[in-house]
Amino acid sequence: MKGNLLFLVAFIAFAACASAQVAPPEADAAAKLFKPLDGKANLYIARKSETFGSAVAFKLIVDGNELGPISTGTFYLVAVEPGKHSIEVRALISTAKLGVDLEAGKNYFYDVAATTGSAGKVSVTRVLIEAMGKLMVNQSKLVRAIVP
């Protein structure tokens, strides 16, 4: 009983401090044009609206820099140099890491989700079909990163 109570308190504290700052509508619209900057690749990381695990926001880290929390129905856009990068998503009881190799002038889409069976576990996977990635982003809201 004591262990369950401790887990519940930690769960609520994590969820409460993990509120994402939605970007202004103009920034959201610009991100949804899907046009990488010259010499850069667009890295879209989204979390679809879902019922399971929706109370918990996960921490998103790209190339060792924490961008902030990612909640259901939100996405981040990171313009990066071509080459190798890392995506890390931290949950209450797990971390998902993924190494990616990106080319300039292209859009890349990644989906963050709570794994079945536990809202405290997370997965991050690449969306291979560009139309599906764009749909996922269009159904979400852009979040402001907490790093410059």
N, C-alpha and C. Protein backbone atom coordinates (compact mmCIF):
# COMPACT_ATOMS: atom_id res chain seq x y z
N MET A 1 0.83 -1.20 0.00
CA MET A 1 0.00 0.00 0.00
C MET A 1 0.86 1.25 0.00
N LYS A 2 1.89 1.28 0.86
CA LYS A 2 2.76 2.44 0.96
C LYS A 2 3.49 2.70 -0.36
N GLY A 3 3.93 1.62 -1.03
CA GLY A 3 4.61 1.74 -2.32
C GLY A 3 3.70 2.31 -3.39
N ASN A 4 2.44 1.86 -3.41
CA ASN A 4 1.48 2.37 -4.38
C ASN A 4 1.19 3.84 -4.17
N LEU A 5 1.11 4.26 -2.90
CA LEU A 5 0.86 5.66 -2.57
C LEU A 5 2.03 6.52 -3.02
N LEU A 6 3.24 6.03 -2.79
CA LEU A 6 4.44 6.76 -3.20
C LEU A 6 4.48 6.92 -4.72
N PHE A 7 4.15 5.84 -5.44
CA PHE A 7 4.11 5.90 -6.90
C PHE A 7 3.07 6.91 -7.38
N LEU A 8 1.89 6.91 -6.75
CA LEU A 8 0.83 7.83 -7.12
C LEU A 8 1.25 9.28 -6.90
N VAL A 9 1.89 9.57 -5.78
CA VAL A 9 2.36 10.93 -5.50
C VAL A 9 3.41 11.35 -6.53
N ALA A 10 4.35 10.47 -6.85
CA ALA A 10 5.37 10.78 -7.85
C ALA A 10 4.73 11.00 -9.21
N PHE A 11 3.75 10.18 -9.56
CA PHE A 11 3.04 10.29 -10.83
C PHE A 11 2.34 11.65 -10.95
N ILE A 12 1.63 12.06 -9.91
CA ILE A 12 0.91 13.34 -9.92
C ILE A 12 1.90 14.51 -9.98
N ALA A 13 2.98 14.42 -9.24
CA ALA A 13 3.98 15.50 -9.25
C ALA A 13 4.61 15.64 -10.62
N PHE A 14 4.92 14.52 -11.26
CA PHE A 14 5.52 14.55 -12.59
C PHE A 14 4.55 15.15 -13.59
N ALA A 15 3.29 14.74 -13.54
CA ALA A 15 2.29 15.25 -14.48
C ALA A 15 2.02 16.73 -14.26
N ALA A 16 2.00 17.17 -13.02
CA ALA A 16 1.69 18.57 -12.70
C ALA A 16 2.78 19.51 -13.18
N CYS A 17 4.04 19.09 -13.09
CA CYS A 17 5.12 20.00 -13.47
C CYS A 17 5.44 19.93 -14.96
N ALA A 18 4.71 19.12 -15.69
CA ALA A 18 5.04 18.90 -17.09
C ALA A 18 4.00 19.49 -18.03
N SER A 19 3.72 20.77 -17.90
CA SER A 19 2.77 21.39 -18.80
C SER A 19 3.51 22.09 -19.93
N ALA A 20 3.12 21.79 -21.14
CA ALA A 20 3.78 22.34 -22.32
C ALA A 20 3.22 23.72 -22.66
N GLN A 21 4.10 24.62 -23.11
CA GLN A 21 3.70 25.97 -23.55
C GLN A 21 3.39 25.92 -25.05
N VAL A 22 2.14 26.09 -25.40
CA VAL A 22 1.74 26.08 -26.81
C VAL A 22 2.24 27.36 -27.47
N ALA A 23 2.78 27.22 -28.69
CA ALA A 23 3.31 28.36 -29.45
C ALA A 23 2.16 29.19 -30.01
N PRO A 24 2.44 30.43 -30.40
CA PRO A 24 1.41 31.27 -31.02
C PRO A 24 0.88 30.66 -32.32
N PRO A 25 -0.37 30.96 -32.69
CA PRO A 25 -0.97 30.39 -33.90
C PRO A 25 -0.14 30.62 -35.17
N GLU A 26 0.54 31.78 -35.27
CA GLU A 26 1.34 32.06 -36.47
C GLU A 26 2.52 31.09 -36.58
N ALA A 27 3.15 30.78 -35.44
CA ALA A 27 4.27 29.84 -35.43
C ALA A 27 3.78 28.43 -35.76
N ASP A 28 2.61 28.07 -35.23
CA ASP A 28 2.02 26.76 -35.51
C ASP A 28 1.75 26.63 -37.02
N ALA A 29 1.16 27.65 -37.61
CA ALA A 29 0.85 27.63 -39.05
C ALA A 29 2.12 27.54 -39.88
N ALA A 30 3.16 28.29 -39.51
CA ALA A 30 4.42 28.26 -40.25
C ALA A 30 5.07 26.88 -40.18
N ALA A 31 5.01 26.25 -39.01
CA ALA A 31 5.59 24.91 -38.85
C ALA A 31 4.88 23.89 -39.73
N LYS A 32 3.60 24.13 -39.97
CA LYS A 32 2.79 23.18 -40.75
C LYS A 32 2.90 23.42 -42.25
N LEU A 33 3.81 24.28 -42.69
CA LEU A 33 4.10 24.45 -44.12
C LEU A 33 5.05 23.36 -44.60
N PHE A 34 5.77 22.73 -43.66
CA PHE A 34 6.67 21.62 -43.94
C PHE A 34 7.77 21.99 -44.93
N LYS A 35 8.36 23.18 -44.74
CA LYS A 35 9.44 23.66 -45.61
C LYS A 35 10.71 23.82 -44.78
N PRO A 36 11.66 22.89 -44.94
CA PRO A 36 12.92 23.02 -44.20
C PRO A 36 13.70 24.27 -44.62
N LEU A 37 14.44 24.84 -43.68
CA LEU A 37 15.33 25.96 -44.00
C LEU A 37 16.45 25.45 -44.89
N ASP A 38 17.07 26.34 -45.66
CA ASP A 38 18.17 25.95 -46.54
C ASP A 38 19.26 25.25 -45.73
N GLY A 39 19.67 24.08 -46.21
CA GLY A 39 20.75 23.34 -45.57
C GLY A 39 20.36 22.62 -44.29
N LYS A 40 19.08 22.62 -43.93
CA LYS A 40 18.62 22.00 -42.69
C LYS A 40 17.61 20.89 -42.98
N ALA A 41 17.38 20.07 -41.97
CA ALA A 41 16.32 19.06 -42.01
C ALA A 41 15.30 19.43 -40.93
N ASN A 42 14.03 19.16 -41.20
CA ASN A 42 12.98 19.38 -40.21
C ASN A 42 12.73 18.09 -39.44
N LEU A 43 12.85 18.17 -38.14
CA LEU A 43 12.60 17.05 -37.25
C LEU A 43 11.32 17.34 -36.49
N TYR A 44 10.24 16.64 -36.85
CA TYR A 44 8.95 16.79 -36.18
C TYR A 44 8.79 15.64 -35.19
N ILE A 45 8.53 15.98 -33.94
CA ILE A 45 8.31 14.96 -32.92
C ILE A 45 6.94 15.27 -32.31
N ALA A 46 6.00 14.34 -32.47
CA ALA A 46 4.61 14.59 -32.06
C ALA A 46 4.11 13.48 -31.15
N ARG A 47 3.11 13.86 -30.39
CA ARG A 47 2.40 12.89 -29.55
C ARG A 47 0.92 13.06 -29.85
N LYS A 48 0.37 12.07 -30.52
CA LYS A 48 -1.04 12.12 -30.92
C LYS A 48 -1.95 12.18 -29.70
N SER A 49 -3.14 12.71 -29.92
CA SER A 49 -4.14 12.69 -28.86
C SER A 49 -4.54 11.24 -28.63
N GLU A 50 -4.48 10.83 -27.39
CA GLU A 50 -4.82 9.45 -27.03
C GLU A 50 -5.40 9.45 -25.64
N THR A 51 -6.18 8.46 -25.34
CA THR A 51 -6.76 8.38 -24.01
C THR A 51 -5.78 7.76 -23.03
N PHE A 52 -5.14 6.68 -23.45
CA PHE A 52 -4.23 5.97 -22.56
C PHE A 52 -2.98 6.80 -22.30
N GLY A 53 -2.68 7.07 -21.06
CA GLY A 53 -1.47 7.80 -20.70
C GLY A 53 -1.52 9.29 -20.94
N SER A 54 -2.69 9.83 -21.25
CA SER A 54 -2.78 11.25 -21.61
C SER A 54 -2.54 12.19 -20.43
N ALA A 55 -2.65 11.70 -19.21
CA ALA A 55 -2.45 12.56 -18.05
C ALA A 55 -0.98 12.86 -17.80
N VAL A 56 -0.10 12.13 -18.45
CA VAL A 56 1.34 12.27 -18.21
C VAL A 56 2.03 12.91 -19.41
N ALA A 57 2.80 13.96 -19.15
CA ALA A 57 3.65 14.54 -20.20
C ALA A 57 5.03 13.93 -20.05
N PHE A 58 5.67 13.65 -21.16
CA PHE A 58 7.01 13.08 -21.15
C PHE A 58 8.02 14.18 -21.45
N LYS A 59 9.25 14.01 -20.97
CA LYS A 59 10.32 14.97 -21.27
C LYS A 59 10.95 14.60 -22.60
N LEU A 60 11.13 15.61 -23.46
CA LEU A 60 11.71 15.40 -24.78
C LEU A 60 13.11 16.01 -24.83
N ILE A 61 14.07 15.23 -25.28
CA ILE A 61 15.46 15.66 -25.36
C ILE A 61 15.98 15.34 -26.76
N VAL A 62 16.55 16.35 -27.43
CA VAL A 62 17.14 16.15 -28.75
C VAL A 62 18.60 16.56 -28.67
N ASP A 63 19.47 15.67 -29.07
CA ASP A 63 20.92 15.91 -29.05
C ASP A 63 21.41 16.38 -27.68
N GLY A 64 20.83 15.81 -26.64
CA GLY A 64 21.25 16.14 -25.28
C GLY A 64 20.64 17.40 -24.70
N ASN A 65 19.84 18.12 -25.49
CA ASN A 65 19.19 19.36 -25.03
C ASN A 65 17.72 19.09 -24.72
N GLU A 66 17.31 19.37 -23.48
CA GLU A 66 15.92 19.17 -23.12
C GLU A 66 15.07 20.26 -23.77
N LEU A 67 14.10 19.84 -24.58
CA LEU A 67 13.20 20.79 -25.23
C LEU A 67 12.04 21.15 -24.32
N GLY A 68 11.62 20.21 -23.49
CA GLY A 68 10.50 20.44 -22.60
C GLY A 68 9.57 19.25 -22.59
N PRO A 69 8.39 19.42 -22.01
CA PRO A 69 7.43 18.32 -21.95
C PRO A 69 6.68 18.16 -23.27
N ILE A 70 6.33 16.93 -23.57
CA ILE A 70 5.48 16.68 -24.73
C ILE A 70 4.23 15.97 -24.23
N SER A 71 3.10 16.63 -24.41
CA SER A 71 1.80 16.13 -23.97
C SER A 71 1.03 15.63 -25.19
N THR A 72 -0.07 14.95 -24.93
CA THR A 72 -0.89 14.49 -26.05
C THR A 72 -1.40 15.69 -26.84
N GLY A 73 -1.45 15.53 -28.15
CA GLY A 73 -1.95 16.58 -29.03
C GLY A 73 -0.97 17.71 -29.29
N THR A 74 0.33 17.47 -29.00
CA THR A 74 1.33 18.51 -29.23
C THR A 74 2.49 17.97 -30.07
N PHE A 75 3.29 18.90 -30.63
CA PHE A 75 4.48 18.51 -31.38
C PHE A 75 5.54 19.58 -31.26
N TYR A 76 6.77 19.15 -31.50
CA TYR A 76 7.92 20.05 -31.58
C TYR A 76 8.46 19.99 -33.00
N LEU A 77 8.98 21.11 -33.46
CA LEU A 77 9.71 21.17 -34.72
C LEU A 77 11.11 21.66 -34.40
N VAL A 78 12.11 20.86 -34.80
CA VAL A 78 13.50 21.22 -34.59
C VAL A 78 14.18 21.22 -35.96
N ALA A 79 14.70 22.38 -36.37
CA ALA A 79 15.48 22.47 -37.62
C ALA A 79 16.92 22.11 -37.26
N VAL A 80 17.44 21.06 -37.87
CA VAL A 80 18.77 20.56 -37.52
C VAL A 80 19.67 20.47 -38.75
N GLU A 81 20.97 20.48 -38.47
CA GLU A 81 21.96 20.24 -39.52
C GLU A 81 21.81 18.80 -39.99
N PRO A 82 22.17 18.53 -41.26
CA PRO A 82 22.14 17.14 -41.70
C PRO A 82 23.15 16.31 -40.90
N GLY A 83 22.86 15.04 -40.78
CA GLY A 83 23.76 14.14 -40.07
C GLY A 83 23.07 13.40 -38.95
N LYS A 84 23.87 12.87 -38.04
CA LYS A 84 23.37 12.03 -36.95
C LYS A 84 22.89 12.87 -35.77
N HIS A 85 21.74 12.46 -35.22
CA HIS A 85 21.12 13.14 -34.09
C HIS A 85 20.52 12.09 -33.16
N SER A 86 20.17 12.52 -31.95
CA SER A 86 19.54 11.59 -31.00
C SER A 86 18.23 12.19 -30.49
N ILE A 87 17.26 11.31 -30.32
CA ILE A 87 15.97 11.67 -29.73
C ILE A 87 15.83 10.82 -28.48
N GLU A 88 15.50 11.47 -27.37
CA GLU A 88 15.30 10.75 -26.11
C GLU A 88 14.01 11.24 -25.49
N VAL A 89 13.21 10.31 -25.02
CA VAL A 89 11.95 10.64 -24.36
C VAL A 89 11.96 9.94 -23.00
N ARG A 90 11.77 10.73 -21.96
CA ARG A 90 11.80 10.19 -20.59
C ARG A 90 10.39 10.18 -20.00
N ALA A 91 10.06 9.03 -19.43
CA ALA A 91 8.78 8.86 -18.75
C ALA A 91 9.05 8.58 -17.28
N LEU A 92 8.01 8.26 -16.54
CA LEU A 92 8.16 7.98 -15.12
C LEU A 92 9.10 6.81 -14.85
N ILE A 93 8.94 5.73 -15.59
CA ILE A 93 9.71 4.53 -15.28
C ILE A 93 10.51 4.01 -16.47
N SER A 94 10.61 4.77 -17.55
CA SER A 94 11.39 4.31 -18.69
C SER A 94 11.89 5.49 -19.51
N THR A 95 12.85 5.16 -20.36
CA THR A 95 13.39 6.12 -21.31
C THR A 95 13.46 5.44 -22.67
N ALA A 96 13.04 6.14 -23.71
CA ALA A 96 13.16 5.64 -25.07
C ALA A 96 14.19 6.50 -25.79
N LYS A 97 15.17 5.86 -26.43
CA LYS A 97 16.21 6.57 -27.16
C LYS A 97 16.25 6.07 -28.59
N LEU A 98 16.55 7.00 -29.48
CA LEU A 98 16.59 6.66 -30.89
C LEU A 98 17.67 7.49 -31.57
N GLY A 99 18.57 6.86 -32.30
CA GLY A 99 19.54 7.57 -33.11
C GLY A 99 18.99 7.72 -34.52
N VAL A 100 19.16 8.90 -35.09
CA VAL A 100 18.61 9.16 -36.43
C VAL A 100 19.69 9.80 -37.31
N ASP A 101 19.60 9.59 -38.60
CA ASP A 101 20.52 10.19 -39.57
C ASP A 101 19.66 10.94 -40.58
N LEU A 102 19.80 12.26 -40.61
CA LEU A 102 18.89 13.11 -41.38
C LEU A 102 19.60 13.80 -42.54
N GLU A 103 18.87 14.00 -43.62
CA GLU A 103 19.39 14.69 -44.81
C GLU A 103 18.78 16.09 -44.91
N ALA A 104 19.56 17.03 -45.39
CA ALA A 104 19.09 18.41 -45.58
C ALA A 104 17.93 18.43 -46.58
N GLY A 105 17.00 19.36 -46.34
CA GLY A 105 15.89 19.56 -47.26
C GLY A 105 14.74 18.59 -47.09
N LYS A 106 14.80 17.74 -46.07
CA LYS A 106 13.74 16.74 -45.87
C LYS A 106 13.05 16.94 -44.52
N ASN A 107 11.82 16.42 -44.45
CA ASN A 107 11.04 16.40 -43.21
C ASN A 107 11.08 14.98 -42.65
N TYR A 108 11.25 14.87 -41.34
CA TYR A 108 11.25 13.59 -40.65
C TYR A 108 10.24 13.66 -39.52
N PHE A 109 9.45 12.60 -39.38
CA PHE A 109 8.36 12.58 -38.41
C PHE A 109 8.55 11.43 -37.42
N TYR A 110 8.39 11.74 -36.13
CA TYR A 110 8.52 10.74 -35.07
C TYR A 110 7.33 10.84 -34.14
N ASP A 111 6.84 9.69 -33.72
CA ASP A 111 5.66 9.58 -32.86
C ASP A 111 6.08 9.12 -31.48
N VAL A 112 5.66 9.88 -30.46
CA VAL A 112 5.90 9.53 -29.06
C VAL A 112 4.58 9.00 -28.50
N ALA A 113 4.65 7.87 -27.78
CA ALA A 113 3.42 7.30 -27.23
C ALA A 113 3.69 6.59 -25.92
N ALA A 114 2.66 6.52 -25.09
CA ALA A 114 2.71 5.69 -23.89
C ALA A 114 2.55 4.25 -24.36
N THR A 115 3.35 3.36 -23.81
CA THR A 115 3.25 1.97 -24.22
C THR A 115 2.07 1.30 -23.53
N THR A 116 1.51 0.32 -24.18
CA THR A 116 0.36 -0.38 -23.64
C THR A 116 0.72 -1.05 -22.32
N GLY A 117 -0.13 -0.87 -21.35
CA GLY A 117 0.06 -1.51 -20.07
C GLY A 117 0.60 -0.60 -18.99
N SER A 118 1.17 0.57 -19.38
CA SER A 118 1.71 1.46 -18.35
C SER A 118 1.85 2.87 -18.90
N ALA A 119 1.22 3.83 -18.23
CA ALA A 119 1.35 5.23 -18.63
C ALA A 119 2.74 5.76 -18.31
N GLY A 120 3.50 5.02 -17.51
CA GLY A 120 4.84 5.44 -17.13
C GLY A 120 5.92 4.98 -18.08
N LYS A 121 5.55 4.23 -19.12
CA LYS A 121 6.52 3.75 -20.11
C LYS A 121 6.26 4.47 -21.43
N VAL A 122 7.31 4.65 -22.21
CA VAL A 122 7.20 5.46 -23.42
C VAL A 122 7.90 4.77 -24.59
N SER A 123 7.45 5.10 -25.80
CA SER A 123 8.13 4.65 -27.01
C SER A 123 8.24 5.83 -27.97
N VAL A 124 9.24 5.77 -28.85
CA VAL A 124 9.37 6.76 -29.91
C VAL A 124 9.70 6.00 -31.19
N THR A 125 8.90 6.25 -32.23
CA THR A 125 9.07 5.53 -33.50
C THR A 125 8.98 6.50 -34.67
N ARG A 126 9.66 6.15 -35.74
CA ARG A 126 9.62 6.97 -36.95
C ARG A 126 8.34 6.67 -37.73
N VAL A 127 7.72 7.72 -38.23
CA VAL A 127 6.55 7.59 -39.11
C VAL A 127 7.10 7.58 -40.53
N LEU A 128 7.01 6.44 -41.21
CA LEU A 128 7.65 6.27 -42.51
C LEU A 128 6.89 6.90 -43.67
N ILE A 129 5.58 7.00 -43.54
CA ILE A 129 4.78 7.56 -44.62
C ILE A 129 4.60 9.06 -44.35
N GLU A 130 5.15 9.90 -45.22
CA GLU A 130 5.14 11.35 -44.99
C GLU A 130 3.73 11.90 -44.81
N ALA A 131 2.76 11.40 -45.59
CA ALA A 131 1.38 11.88 -45.46
C ALA A 131 0.84 11.60 -44.06
N MET A 132 1.21 10.46 -43.48
CA MET A 132 0.77 10.14 -42.12
C MET A 132 1.45 11.06 -41.10
N GLY A 133 2.72 11.35 -41.31
CA GLY A 133 3.43 12.28 -40.42
C GLY A 133 2.82 13.67 -40.47
N LYS A 134 2.51 14.14 -41.67
CA LYS A 134 1.90 15.46 -41.80
C LYS A 134 0.52 15.50 -41.15
N LEU A 135 -0.24 14.43 -41.29
CA LEU A 135 -1.56 14.36 -40.66
C LEU A 135 -1.42 14.42 -39.14
N MET A 136 -0.46 13.67 -38.61
CA MET A 136 -0.23 13.66 -37.17
C MET A 136 0.11 15.07 -36.67
N VAL A 137 0.98 15.78 -37.39
CA VAL A 137 1.37 17.14 -37.02
C VAL A 137 0.18 18.09 -37.18
N ASN A 138 -0.54 17.99 -38.27
CA ASN A 138 -1.68 18.89 -38.50
C ASN A 138 -2.77 18.74 -37.45
N GLN A 139 -2.86 17.58 -36.81
CA GLN A 139 -3.86 17.36 -35.77
C GLN A 139 -3.34 17.75 -34.38
N SER A 140 -2.13 18.29 -34.33
CA SER A 140 -1.51 18.66 -33.06
C SER A 140 -1.18 20.14 -33.03
N LYS A 141 -0.74 20.62 -31.85
CA LYS A 141 -0.36 22.02 -31.69
C LYS A 141 1.13 22.12 -31.40
N LEU A 142 1.77 23.12 -32.02
CA LEU A 142 3.19 23.34 -31.81
C LEU A 142 3.46 23.79 -30.39
N VAL A 143 4.54 23.25 -29.82
CA VAL A 143 4.96 23.61 -28.47
C VAL A 143 6.26 24.39 -28.57
N ARG A 144 6.40 25.39 -27.71
CA ARG A 144 7.65 26.16 -27.63
C ARG A 144 8.69 25.35 -26.88
N ALA A 145 9.87 25.26 -27.46
CA ALA A 145 10.97 24.59 -26.77
C ALA A 145 11.47 25.51 -25.65
N ILE A 146 11.97 24.92 -24.58
CA ILE A 146 12.48 25.72 -23.47
C ILE A 146 13.94 26.09 -23.65
N VAL A 147 14.58 25.57 -24.71
CA VAL A 147 15.97 25.93 -25.02
C VAL A 147 15.97 26.86 -26.22
N PRO A 148 16.98 27.72 -26.34
CA PRO A 148 17.02 28.64 -27.49
C PRO A 148 17.25 27.93 -28.79
